[in-house]
């Protein structure tokens, strides 16, 4: 009996593992900082390179928002904002499966 329960637990855990790896990775960058965001970077925390500016030729004025859908799987992501003043803020190791908003504030950036 114990052997059957243990086997059932292992099978359930194995079946749930792929589902946990796949999640809704969409999120919105909301600018509530009082200043214009000129650049925005994000990527998996396992990648030490920020890559390209995700706003491209655009900027994000205060009070506006923009949505993103990162390709790939969920997990920990890092985020970086650069304001028009040149000041920057970083937010590291955010579980992209749990956060649906990245918010630029007067004190930095946060995830919700």
PDB file of N, CA and C in Angstrom:
ATOM      1  N   UNK A   1       0.828  -1.194   0.000  1.00  0.00           N
ATOM      2  CA  UNK A   1       0.000   0.000   0.000  1.00  0.00           C
ATOM      3  C   UNK A   1       0.879   1.268   0.000  1.00  0.00           C
ATOM      4  N   UNK A   2       1.877   1.294   0.901  1.00  0.00           N
ATOM      5  CA  UNK A   2       2.776   2.456   0.969  1.00  0.00           C
ATOM      6  C   UNK A   2       3.505   2.654  -0.356  1.00  0.00           C
ATOM      7  N   UNK A   3       3.893   1.550  -0.965  1.00  0.00           N
ATOM      8  CA  UNK A   3       4.604   1.614  -2.245  1.00  0.00           C
ATOM      9  C   UNK A   3       3.729   2.258  -3.327  1.00  0.00           C
ATOM     10  N   UNK A   4       2.440   1.932  -3.359  1.00  0.00           N
ATOM     11  CA  UNK A   4       1.519   2.505  -4.336  1.00  0.00           C
ATOM     12  C   UNK A   4       1.346   4.010  -4.101  1.00  0.00           C
ATOM     13  N   UNK A   5       1.232   4.410  -2.840  1.00  0.00           N
ATOM     14  CA  UNK A   5       1.090   5.833  -2.522  1.00  0.00           C
ATOM     15  C   UNK A   5       2.338   6.603  -2.917  1.00  0.00           C
ATOM     16  N   UNK A   6       3.492   6.030  -2.645  1.00  0.00           N
ATOM     17  CA  UNK A   6       4.744   6.691  -3.015  1.00  0.00           C
ATOM     18  C   UNK A   6       4.858   6.821  -4.529  1.00  0.00           C
ATOM     19  N   UNK A   7       4.503   5.778  -5.252  1.00  0.00           N
ATOM     20  CA  UNK A   7       4.550   5.822  -6.711  1.00  0.00           C
ATOM     21  C   UNK A   7       3.561   6.861  -7.245  1.00  0.00           C
ATOM     22  N   UNK A   8       2.370   6.918  -6.670  1.00  0.00           N
ATOM     23  CA  UNK A   8       1.368   7.898  -7.102  1.00  0.00           C
ATOM     24  C   UNK A   8       1.875   9.315  -6.862  1.00  0.00           C
ATOM     25  N   UNK A   9       2.526   9.560  -5.734  1.00  0.00           N
ATOM     26  CA  UNK A   9       3.065  10.890  -5.433  1.00  0.00           C
ATOM     27  C   UNK A   9       4.150  11.275  -6.433  1.00  0.00           C
ATOM     28  N   UNK A  10       5.010  10.344  -6.771  1.00  0.00           N
ATOM     29  CA  UNK A  10       6.070  10.614  -7.753  1.00  0.00           C
ATOM     30  C   UNK A  10       5.471  10.918  -9.119  1.00  0.00           C
ATOM     31  N   UNK A  11       4.478  10.152  -9.534  1.00  0.00           N
ATOM     32  CA  UNK A  11       3.835  10.380 -10.831  1.00  0.00           C
ATOM     33  C   UNK A  11       3.119  11.722 -10.874  1.00  0.00           C
ATOM     34  N   UNK A  12       2.451  12.102  -9.787  1.00  0.00           N
ATOM     35  CA  UNK A  12       1.783  13.408  -9.739  1.00  0.00           C
ATOM     36  C   UNK A  12       2.794  14.544  -9.812  1.00  0.00           C
ATOM     37  N   UNK A  13       3.892  14.416  -9.111  1.00  0.00           N
ATOM     38  CA  UNK A  13       4.932  15.459  -9.142  1.00  0.00           C
ATOM     39  C   UNK A  13       5.536  15.581 -10.533  1.00  0.00           C
ATOM     40  N   UNK A  14       5.755  14.467 -11.194  1.00  0.00           N
ATOM     41  CA  UNK A  14       6.325  14.484 -12.545  1.00  0.00           C
ATOM     42  C   UNK A  14       5.342  15.108 -13.535  1.00  0.00           C
ATOM     43  N   UNK A  15       4.072  14.837 -13.361  1.00  0.00           N
ATOM     44  CA  UNK A  15       3.066  15.410 -14.263  1.00  0.00           C
ATOM     45  C   UNK A  15       2.920  16.912 -14.040  1.00  0.00           C
ATOM     46  N   UNK A  16       3.085  17.373 -12.816  1.00  0.00           N
ATOM     47  CA  UNK A  16       2.934  18.795 -12.500  1.00  0.00           C
ATOM     48  C   UNK A  16       4.157  19.606 -12.913  1.00  0.00           C
ATOM     49  N   UNK A  17       5.317  18.991 -13.000  1.00  0.00           N
ATOM     50  CA  UNK A  17       6.551  19.730 -13.318  1.00  0.00           C
ATOM     51  C   UNK A  17       6.487  20.460 -14.647  1.00  0.00           C
ATOM     52  N   UNK A  18       6.055  19.838 -15.756  1.00  0.00           N
ATOM     53  CA  UNK A  18       5.982  20.588 -17.001  1.00  0.00           C
ATOM     54  C   UNK A  18       4.971  21.734 -16.933  1.00  0.00           C
ATOM     55  N   UNK A  19       3.876  21.529 -16.206  1.00  0.00           N
ATOM     56  CA  UNK A  19       2.882  22.595 -16.090  1.00  0.00           C
ATOM     57  C   UNK A  19       3.462  23.788 -15.349  1.00  0.00           C
ATOM     58  N   UNK A  20       4.286  23.562 -14.352  1.00  0.00           N
ATOM     59  CA  UNK A  20       4.890  24.660 -13.598  1.00  0.00           C
ATOM     60  C   UNK A  20       5.880  25.437 -14.463  1.00  0.00           C
ATOM     61  N   UNK A  21       6.539  24.737 -15.398  1.00  0.00           N
ATOM     62  CA  UNK A  21       7.519  25.400 -16.251  1.00  0.00           C
ATOM     63  C   UNK A  21       6.823  26.317 -17.259  1.00  0.00           C
ATOM     64  N   UNK A  22       5.617  25.999 -17.642  1.00  0.00           N
ATOM     65  CA  UNK A  22       4.842  26.811 -18.571  1.00  0.00           C
ATOM     66  C   UNK A  22       3.907  27.700 -17.764  1.00  0.00           C
ATOM     67  N   UNK A  23       3.944  28.985 -18.011  1.00  0.00           N
ATOM     68  CA  UNK A  23       3.088  29.909 -17.298  1.00  0.00           C
ATOM     69  C   UNK A  23       2.808  31.114 -18.184  1.00  0.00           C
ATOM     70  N   UNK A  24       1.946  31.964 -17.717  1.00  0.00           N
ATOM     71  CA  UNK A  24       1.631  33.200 -18.430  1.00  0.00           C
ATOM     72  C   UNK A  24       2.740  34.204 -18.111  1.00  0.00           C
ATOM     73  N   UNK A  25       3.580  34.502 -19.078  1.00  0.00           N
ATOM     74  CA  UNK A  25       4.713  35.402 -18.852  1.00  0.00           C
ATOM     75  C   UNK A  25       4.410  36.838 -19.273  1.00  0.00           C
ATOM     76  N   UNK A  26       3.193  37.113 -19.713  1.00  0.00           N
ATOM     77  CA  UNK A  26       2.847  38.483 -20.116  1.00  0.00           C
ATOM     78  C   UNK A  26       2.892  39.416 -18.912  1.00  0.00           C
ATOM     79  N   UNK A  27       3.351  40.637 -19.142  1.00  0.00           N
ATOM     80  CA  UNK A  27       3.342  41.639 -18.078  1.00  0.00           C
ATOM     81  C   UNK A  27       3.234  43.031 -18.684  1.00  0.00           C
ATOM     82  N   UNK A  28       2.886  43.978 -17.838  1.00  0.00           N
ATOM     83  CA  UNK A  28       2.749  45.373 -18.239  1.00  0.00           C
ATOM     84  C   UNK A  28       3.785  46.201 -17.492  1.00  0.00           C
ATOM     85  N   UNK A  29       4.470  47.075 -18.214  1.00  0.00           N
ATOM     86  CA  UNK A  29       5.331  48.084 -17.589  1.00  0.00           C
ATOM     87  C   UNK A  29       4.476  49.325 -17.437  1.00  0.00           C
ATOM     88  N   UNK A  30       4.269  49.745 -16.205  1.00  0.00           N
ATOM     89  CA  UNK A  30       3.454  50.914 -15.890  1.00  0.00           C
ATOM     90  C   UNK A  30       4.374  52.009 -15.350  1.00  0.00           C
ATOM     91  N   UNK A  31       4.288  53.191 -15.926  1.00  0.00           N
ATOM     92  CA  UNK A  31       5.137  54.299 -15.486  1.00  0.00           C
ATOM     93  C   UNK A  31       4.354  55.226 -14.559  1.00  0.00           C
ATOM     94  N   UNK A  32       4.595  55.084 -13.265  1.00  0.00           N
ATOM     95  CA  UNK A  32       3.999  55.937 -12.234  1.00  0.00           C
ATOM     96  C   UNK A  32       5.093  56.730 -11.527  1.00  0.00           C
ATOM     97  N   UNK A  33       6.168  57.010 -12.236  1.00  0.00           N
ATOM     98  CA  UNK A  33       7.352  57.604 -11.614  1.00  0.00           C
ATOM     99  C   UNK A  33       7.347  59.128 -11.574  1.00  0.00           C
ATOM    100  N   UNK A  34       6.513  59.750 -12.385  1.00  0.00           N
ATOM    101  CA  UNK A  34       6.550  61.200 -12.488  1.00  0.00           C
ATOM    102  C   UNK A  34       7.537  61.694 -13.535  1.00  0.00           C
ATOM    103  N   UNK A  35       8.272  60.779 -14.145  1.00  0.00           N
ATOM    104  CA  UNK A  35       9.268  61.112 -15.173  1.00  0.00           C
ATOM    105  C   UNK A  35       9.121  60.167 -16.358  1.00  0.00           C
ATOM    106  N   UNK A  36       9.663  60.568 -17.466  1.00  0.00           N
ATOM    107  CA  UNK A  36       9.630  59.746 -18.669  1.00  0.00           C
ATOM    108  C   UNK A  36      10.645  58.602 -18.571  1.00  0.00           C
ATOM    109  N   UNK A  37      10.231  57.404 -18.948  1.00  0.00           N
ATOM    110  CA  UNK A  37      11.140  56.261 -19.058  1.00  0.00           C
ATOM    111  C   UNK A  37      11.658  56.238 -20.497  1.00  0.00           C
ATOM    112  N   UNK A  38      12.977  56.307 -20.642  1.00  0.00           N
ATOM    113  CA  UNK A  38      13.580  56.298 -21.983  1.00  0.00           C
ATOM    114  C   UNK A  38      13.990  54.916 -22.450  1.00  0.00           C
ATOM    115  N   UNK A  39      14.360  54.040 -21.503  1.00  0.00           N
ATOM    116  CA  UNK A  39      14.826  52.703 -21.870  1.00  0.00           C
ATOM    117  C   UNK A  39      14.285  51.689 -20.877  1.00  0.00           C
ATOM    118  N   UNK A  40      14.073  50.468 -21.373  1.00  0.00           N
ATOM    119  CA  UNK A  40      13.592  49.380 -20.526  1.00  0.00           C
ATOM    120  C   UNK A  40      14.240  48.090 -21.005  1.00  0.00           C
ATOM    121  N   UNK A  41      14.820  47.362 -20.060  1.00  0.00           N
ATOM    122  CA  UNK A  41      15.513  46.113 -20.355  1.00  0.00           C
ATOM    123  C   UNK A  41      14.954  45.014 -19.458  1.00  0.00           C
ATOM    124  N   UNK A  42      14.863  43.803 -19.980  1.00  0.00           N
ATOM    125  CA  UNK A  42      14.514  42.658 -19.153  1.00  0.00           C
ATOM    126  C   UNK A  42      15.013  41.383 -19.816  1.00  0.00           C
ATOM    127  N   UNK A  43      15.165  40.365 -18.999  1.00  0.00           N
ATOM    128  CA  UNK A  43      15.577  39.061 -19.497  1.00  0.00           C
ATOM    129  C   UNK A  43      15.732  38.086 -18.358  1.00  0.00           C
ATOM    130  N   UNK A  44      15.917  36.823 -18.671  1.00  0.00           N
ATOM    131  CA  UNK A  44      16.114  35.814 -17.625  1.00  0.00           C
ATOM    132  C   UNK A  44      17.302  36.168 -16.732  1.00  0.00           C
ATOM    133  N   UNK A  45      17.145  35.936 -15.451  1.00  0.00           N
ATOM    134  CA  UNK A  45      18.214  36.243 -14.493  1.00  0.00           C
ATOM    135  C   UNK A  45      19.480  35.458 -14.787  1.00  0.00           C
ATOM    136  N   UNK A  46      19.360  34.341 -15.472  1.00  0.00           N
ATOM    137  CA  UNK A  46      20.526  33.522 -15.807  1.00  0.00           C
ATOM    138  C   UNK A  46      21.394  34.179 -16.876  1.00  0.00           C
ATOM    139  N   UNK A  47      20.894  35.220 -17.532  1.00  0.00           N
ATOM    140  CA  UNK A  47      21.635  35.922 -18.582  1.00  0.00           C
ATOM    141  C   UNK A  47      22.203  37.213 -17.994  1.00  0.00           C
ATOM    142  N   UNK A  48      23.510  37.377 -17.993  1.00  0.00           N
ATOM    143  CA  UNK A  48      24.139  38.560 -17.399  1.00  0.00           C
ATOM    144  C   UNK A  48      24.133  39.773 -18.326  1.00  0.00           C
ATOM    145  N   UNK A  49      23.714  39.601 -19.571  1.00  0.00           N
ATOM    146  CA  UNK A  49      23.684  40.681 -20.546  1.00  0.00           C
ATOM    147  C   UNK A  49      22.274  41.272 -20.612  1.00  0.00           C
ATOM    148  N   UNK A  50      22.139  42.595 -20.511  1.00  0.00           N
ATOM    149  CA  UNK A  50      20.826  43.227 -20.570  1.00  0.00           C
ATOM    150  C   UNK A  50      20.206  43.150 -21.958  1.00  0.00           C
ATOM    151  N   UNK A  51      21.013  43.020 -22.984  1.00  0.00           N
ATOM    152  CA  UNK A  51      20.455  42.944 -24.328  1.00  0.00           C
ATOM    153  C   UNK A  51      19.990  44.292 -24.835  1.00  0.00           C
ATOM    154  N   UNK A  52      18.969  44.273 -25.669  1.00  0.00           N
ATOM    155  CA  UNK A  52      18.509  45.503 -26.322  1.00  0.00           C
ATOM    156  C   UNK A  52      17.450  46.221 -25.487  1.00  0.00           C
ATOM    157  N   UNK A  53      17.320  47.508 -25.743  1.00  0.00           N
ATOM    158  CA  UNK A  53      16.280  48.328 -25.125  1.00  0.00           C
ATOM    159  C   UNK A  53      14.936  47.873 -25.676  1.00  0.00           C
ATOM    160  N   UNK A  54      14.046  47.399 -24.826  1.00  0.00           N
ATOM    161  CA  UNK A  54      12.759  46.851 -25.262  1.00  0.00           C
ATOM    162  C   UNK A  54      11.765  47.922 -25.693  1.00  0.00           C
ATOM    163  N   UNK A  55      12.036  49.187 -25.376  1.00  0.00           N
ATOM    164  CA  UNK A  55      11.182  50.267 -25.873  1.00  0.00           C
ATOM    165  C   UNK A  55      11.587  50.683 -27.281  1.00  0.00           C
ATOM    166  N   UNK A  56      12.801  50.313 -27.676  1.00  0.00           N
ATOM    167  CA  UNK A  56      13.291  50.643 -29.008  1.00  0.00           C
ATOM    168  C   UNK A  56      13.383  52.144 -29.207  1.00  0.00           C
ATOM    169  N   UNK A  57      12.777  52.645 -30.260  1.00  0.00           N
ATOM    170  CA  UNK A  57      12.797  54.076 -30.557  1.00  0.00           C
ATOM    171  C   UNK A  57      11.755  54.843 -29.746  1.00  0.00           C
ATOM    172  N   UNK A  58      10.920  54.132 -29.011  1.00  0.00           N
ATOM    173  CA  UNK A  58       9.851  54.756 -28.236  1.00  0.00           C
ATOM    174  C   UNK A  58      10.310  55.116 -26.833  1.00  0.00           C
ATOM    175  N   UNK A  59       9.521  55.927 -26.157  1.00  0.00           N
ATOM    176  CA  UNK A  59       9.702  56.239 -24.740  1.00  0.00           C
ATOM    177  C   UNK A  59       8.367  55.975 -24.058  1.00  0.00           C
ATOM    178  N   UNK A  60       8.377  55.945 -22.729  1.00  0.00           N
ATOM    179  CA  UNK A  60       7.144  55.721 -21.975  1.00  0.00           C
ATOM    180  C   UNK A  60       6.903  56.917 -21.058  1.00  0.00           C
ATOM    181  N   UNK A  61       5.992  57.816 -21.459  1.00  0.00           N
ATOM    182  CA  UNK A  61       5.702  58.982 -20.622  1.00  0.00           C
ATOM    183  C   UNK A  61       5.075  58.576 -19.293  1.00  0.00           C
ATOM    184  N   UNK A  62       5.177  59.445 -18.308  1.00  0.00           N
ATOM    185  CA  UNK A  62       4.543  59.213 -17.021  1.00  0.00           C
ATOM    186  C   UNK A  62       3.042  58.990 -17.221  1.00  0.00           C
ATOM    187  N   UNK A  63       2.494  58.043 -16.467  1.00  0.00           N
ATOM    188  CA  UNK A  63       1.070  57.756 -16.538  1.00  0.00           C
ATOM    189  C   UNK A  63       0.670  56.791 -17.632  1.00  0.00           C
ATOM    190  N   UNK A  64       1.604  56.352 -18.441  1.00  0.00           N
ATOM    191  CA  UNK A  64       1.306  55.428 -19.545  1.00  0.00           C
ATOM    192  C   UNK A  64       1.810  54.033 -19.199  1.00  0.00           C
ATOM    193  N   UNK A  65       1.420  53.069 -20.009  1.00  0.00           N
ATOM    194  CA  UNK A  65       1.850  51.683 -19.823  1.00  0.00           C
ATOM    195  C   UNK A  65       2.046  51.023 -21.167  1.00  0.00           C
ATOM    196  N   UNK A  66       2.806  49.936 -21.156  1.00  0.00           N
ATOM    197  CA  UNK A  66       3.045  49.149 -22.361  1.00  0.00           C
ATOM    198  C   UNK A  66       3.137  47.681 -21.936  1.00  0.00           C
ATOM    199  N   UNK A  67       2.636  46.791 -22.784  1.00  0.00           N
ATOM    200  CA  UNK A  67       2.615  45.357 -22.467  1.00  0.00           C
ATOM    201  C   UNK A  67       3.703  44.614 -23.226  1.00  0.00           C
ATOM    202  N   UNK A  68       4.195  43.547 -22.606  1.00  0.00           N
ATOM    203  CA  UNK A  68       5.232  42.701 -23.184  1.00  0.00           C
ATOM    204  C   UNK A  68       4.854  41.237 -22.991  1.00  0.00           C
ATOM    205  N   UNK A  69       5.284  40.422 -23.932  1.00  0.00           N
ATOM    206  CA  UNK A  69       5.146  38.973 -23.810  1.00  0.00           C
ATOM    207  C   UNK A  69       6.498  38.357 -24.107  1.00  0.00           C
ATOM    208  N   UNK A  70       7.290  38.086 -23.069  1.00  0.00           N
ATOM    209  CA  UNK A  70       8.594  37.470 -23.305  1.00  0.00           C
ATOM    210  C   UNK A  70       8.409  36.067 -23.874  1.00  0.00           C
ATOM    211  N   UNK A  71       9.261  35.703 -24.785  1.00  0.00           N
ATOM    212  CA  UNK A  71       9.229  34.343 -25.294  1.00  0.00           C
ATOM    213  C   UNK A  71       9.863  33.410 -24.269  1.00  0.00           C
ATOM    214  N   UNK A  72       9.605  32.165 -24.408  1.00  0.00           N
ATOM    215  CA  UNK A  72      10.262  31.194 -23.537  1.00  0.00           C
ATOM    216  C   UNK A  72       9.463  30.856 -22.299  1.00  0.00           C
ATOM    217  N   UNK A  73      10.153  30.302 -21.353  1.00  0.00           N
ATOM    218  CA  UNK A  73       9.545  29.779 -20.145  1.00  0.00           C
ATOM    219  C   UNK A  73       9.554  30.805 -19.033  1.00  0.00           C
ATOM    220  N   UNK A  74       8.872  30.471 -17.978  1.00  0.00           N
ATOM    221  CA  UNK A  74       8.836  31.324 -16.799  1.00  0.00           C
ATOM    222  C   UNK A  74      10.125  31.222 -16.014  1.00  0.00           C
ATOM    223  N   UNK A  75      10.098  31.718 -14.811  1.00  0.00           N
ATOM    224  CA  UNK A  75      11.257  31.689 -13.939  1.00  0.00           C
ATOM    225  C   UNK A  75      11.659  33.081 -13.525  1.00  0.00           C
ATOM    226  N   UNK A  76      12.879  33.222 -13.056  1.00  0.00           N
ATOM    227  CA  UNK A  76      13.377  34.496 -12.543  1.00  0.00           C
ATOM    228  C   UNK A  76      13.838  35.405 -13.680  1.00  0.00           C
ATOM    229  N   UNK A  77      13.376  36.648 -13.651  1.00  0.00           N
ATOM    230  CA  UNK A  77      13.749  37.661 -14.634  1.00  0.00           C
ATOM    231  C   UNK A  77      14.297  38.891 -13.921  1.00  0.00           C
ATOM    232  N   UNK A  78      15.176  39.614 -14.606  1.00  0.00           N
ATOM    233  CA  UNK A  78      15.725  40.880 -14.120  1.00  0.00           C
ATOM    234  C   UNK A  78      15.169  42.008 -14.983  1.00  0.00           C
ATOM    235  N   UNK A  79      14.965  43.180 -14.370  1.00  0.00           N
ATOM    236  CA  UNK A  79      14.400  44.336 -15.062  1.00  0.00           C
ATOM    237  C   UNK A  79      15.242  45.565 -14.773  1.00  0.00           C
ATOM    238  N   UNK A  80      15.340  46.437 -15.776  1.00  0.00           N
ATOM    239  CA  UNK A  80      16.095  47.688 -15.629  1.00  0.00           C
ATOM    240  C   UNK A  80      15.354  48.803 -16.360  1.00  0.00           C
ATOM    241  N   UNK A  81      15.216  49.940 -15.676  1.00  0.00           N
ATOM    242  CA  UNK A  81      14.583  51.122 -16.241  1.00  0.00           C
ATOM    243  C   UNK A  81      15.613  52.237 -16.277  1.00  0.00           C
ATOM    244  N   UNK A  82      15.609  53.024 -17.366  1.00  0.00           N
ATOM    245  CA  UNK A  82      16.454  54.217 -17.482  1.00  0.00           C
ATOM    246  C   UNK A  82      15.525  55.395 -17.752  1.00  0.00           C
ATOM    247  N   UNK A  83      15.556  56.377 -16.840  1.00  0.00           N
ATOM    248  CA  UNK A  83      14.720  57.556 -16.991  1.00  0.00           C
ATOM    249  C   UNK A  83      15.395  58.590 -17.890  1.00  0.00           C
ATOM    250  N   UNK A  84      14.637  59.604 -18.288  1.00  0.00           N
ATOM    251  CA  UNK A  84      15.139  60.675 -19.161  1.00  0.00           C
ATOM    252  C   UNK A  84      16.325  61.389 -18.524  1.00  0.00           C
ATOM    253  N   UNK A  85      16.381  61.415 -17.198  1.00  0.00           N
ATOM    254  CA  UNK A  85      17.482  62.068 -16.481  1.00  0.00           C
ATOM    255  C   UNK A  85      18.775  61.260 -16.534  1.00  0.00           C
ATOM    256  N   UNK A  86      18.692  60.012 -16.987  1.00  0.00           N
ATOM    257  CA  UNK A  86      19.850  59.119 -17.003  1.00  0.00           C
ATOM    258  C   UNK A  86      19.924  58.225 -15.773  1.00  0.00           C
ATOM    259  N   UNK A  87      19.105  58.492 -14.760  1.00  0.00           N
ATOM    260  CA  UNK A  87      19.074  57.638 -13.568  1.00  0.00           C
ATOM    261  C   UNK A  87      18.513  56.272 -13.941  1.00  0.00           C
ATOM    262  N   UNK A  88      18.975  55.256 -13.227  1.00  0.00           N
ATOM    263  CA  UNK A  88      18.533  53.890 -13.505  1.00  0.00           C
ATOM    264  C   UNK A  88      18.035  53.220 -12.231  1.00  0.00           C
ATOM    265  N   UNK A  89      17.249  52.177 -12.419  1.00  0.00           N
ATOM    266  CA  UNK A  89      16.817  51.322 -11.318  1.00  0.00           C
ATOM    267  C   UNK A  89      16.751  49.902 -11.852  1.00  0.00           C
ATOM    268  N   UNK A  90      17.118  48.956 -10.996  1.00  0.00           N
ATOM    269  CA  UNK A  90      17.090  47.541 -11.367  1.00  0.00           C
ATOM    270  C   UNK A  90      16.274  46.763 -10.353  1.00  0.00           C
ATOM    271  N   UNK A  91      15.611  45.740 -10.828  1.00  0.00           N
ATOM    272  CA  UNK A  91      14.852  44.822  -9.991  1.00  0.00           C
ATOM    273  C   UNK A  91      15.240  43.422 -10.435  1.00  0.00           C
ATOM    274  N   UNK A  92      15.783  42.649  -9.522  1.00  0.00           N
ATOM    275  CA  UNK A  92      16.368  41.361  -9.878  1.00  0.00           C
ATOM    276  C   UNK A  92      15.537  40.194  -9.343  1.00  0.00           C
ATOM    277  N   UNK A  93      15.620  39.098 -10.089  1.00  0.00           N
ATOM    278  CA  UNK A  93      15.065  37.805  -9.700  1.00  0.00           C
ATOM    279  C   UNK A  93      13.571  37.849  -9.387  1.00  0.00           C
ATOM    280  N   UNK A  94      12.813  38.414 -10.306  1.00  0.00           N
ATOM    281  CA  UNK A  94      11.357  38.449 -10.191  1.00  0.00           C
ATOM    282  C   UNK A  94      10.795  37.204 -10.871  1.00  0.00           C
ATOM    283  N   UNK A  95       9.929  36.483 -10.181  1.00  0.00           N
ATOM    284  CA  UNK A  95       9.293  35.319 -10.784  1.00  0.00           C
ATOM    285  C   UNK A  95       8.255  35.811 -11.789  1.00  0.00           C
ATOM    286  N   UNK A  96       8.563  35.679 -13.054  1.00  0.00           N
ATOM    287  CA  UNK A  96       7.713  36.199 -14.127  1.00  0.00           C
ATOM    288  C   UNK A  96       6.365  35.482 -14.180  1.00  0.00           C
ATOM    289  N   UNK A  97       6.264  34.304 -13.589  1.00  0.00           N
ATOM    290  CA  UNK A  97       4.985  33.583 -13.537  1.00  0.00           C
ATOM    291  C   UNK A  97       4.040  34.192 -12.507  1.00  0.00           C
ATOM    292  N   UNK A  98       4.578  34.910 -11.548  1.00  0.00           N
ATOM    293  CA  UNK A  98       3.765  35.477 -10.469  1.00  0.00           C
ATOM    294  C   UNK A  98       3.530  36.969 -10.621  1.00  0.00           C
ATOM    295  N   UNK A  99       4.349  37.670 -11.370  1.00  0.00           N
ATOM    296  CA  UNK A  99       4.217  39.123 -11.522  1.00  0.00           C
ATOM    297  C   UNK A  99       3.551  39.451 -12.853  1.00  0.00           C
ATOM    298  N   UNK A 100       2.566  40.323 -12.810  1.00  0.00           N
ATOM    299  CA  UNK A 100       1.910  40.746 -14.056  1.00  0.00           C
ATOM    300  C   UNK A 100       2.148  42.221 -14.343  1.00  0.00           C
ATOM    301  N   UNK A 101       2.757  42.933 -13.384  1.00  0.00           N
ATOM    302  CA  UNK A 101       3.070  44.351 -13.583  1.00  0.00           C
ATOM    303  C   UNK A 101       4.467  44.662 -13.058  1.00  0.00           C
ATOM    304  N   UNK A 102       5.192  45.438 -13.834  1.00  0.00           N
ATOM    305  CA  UNK A 102       6.432  46.052 -13.392  1.00  0.00           C
ATOM    306  C   UNK A 102       6.118  47.542 -13.344  1.00  0.00           C
ATOM    307  N   UNK A 103       6.328  48.160 -12.200  1.00  0.00           N
ATOM    308  CA  UNK A 103       5.883  49.537 -12.013  1.00  0.00           C
ATOM    309  C   UNK A 103       7.082  50.425 -11.713  1.00  0.00           C
ATOM    310  N   UNK A 104       7.261  51.446 -12.550  1.00  0.00           N
ATOM    311  CA  UNK A 104       8.276  52.462 -12.291  1.00  0.00           C
ATOM    312  C   UNK A 104       7.654  53.485 -11.348  1.00  0.00           C
ATOM    313  N   UNK A 105       8.318  53.718 -10.217  1.00  0.00           N
ATOM    314  CA  UNK A 105       7.835  54.647  -9.201  1.00  0.00           C
ATOM    315  C   UNK A 105       8.897  55.724  -8.971  1.00  0.00           C
ATOM    316  N   UNK A 106       8.578  56.762  -8.204  1.00  0.00           N
ATOM    317  CA  UNK A 106       9.599  57.771  -7.909  1.00  0.00           C
ATOM    318  C   UNK A 106      10.803  57.214  -7.134  1.00  0.00           C
ATOM    319  N   UNK A 107      10.643  56.047  -6.508  1.00  0.00           N
ATOM    320  CA  UNK A 107      11.722  55.448  -5.700  1.00  0.00           C
ATOM    321  C   UNK A 107      12.434  54.279  -6.379  1.00  0.00           C
ATOM    322  N   UNK A 108      12.010  53.925  -7.589  1.00  0.00           N
ATOM    323  CA  UNK A 108      12.640  52.786  -8.267  1.00  0.00           C
ATOM    324  C   UNK A 108      11.609  51.993  -9.043  1.00  0.00           C
ATOM    325  N   UNK A 109      11.778  50.668  -9.085  1.00  0.00           N
ATOM    326  CA  UNK A 109      10.786  49.823  -9.749  1.00  0.00           C
ATOM    327  C   UNK A 109      10.394  48.686  -8.823  1.00  0.00           C
ATOM    328  N   UNK A 110       9.167  48.224  -8.998  1.00  0.00           N
ATOM    329  CA  UNK A 110       8.645  47.124  -8.186  1.00  0.00           C
ATOM    330  C   UNK A 110       7.804  46.207  -9.052  1.00  0.00           C
ATOM    331  N   UNK A 111       7.576  45.005  -8.562  1.00  0.00           N
ATOM    332  CA  UNK A 111       6.772  44.013  -9.280  1.00  0.00           C
ATOM    333  C   UNK A 111       5.523  43.699  -8.478  1.00  0.00           C
ATOM    334  N   UNK A 112       4.441  43.505  -9.192  1.00  0.00           N
ATOM    335  CA  UNK A 112       3.176  43.066  -8.577  1.00  0.00           C
ATOM    336  C   UNK A 112       2.548  41.985  -9.428  1.00  0.00           C
TER     337      UNK A 112
END
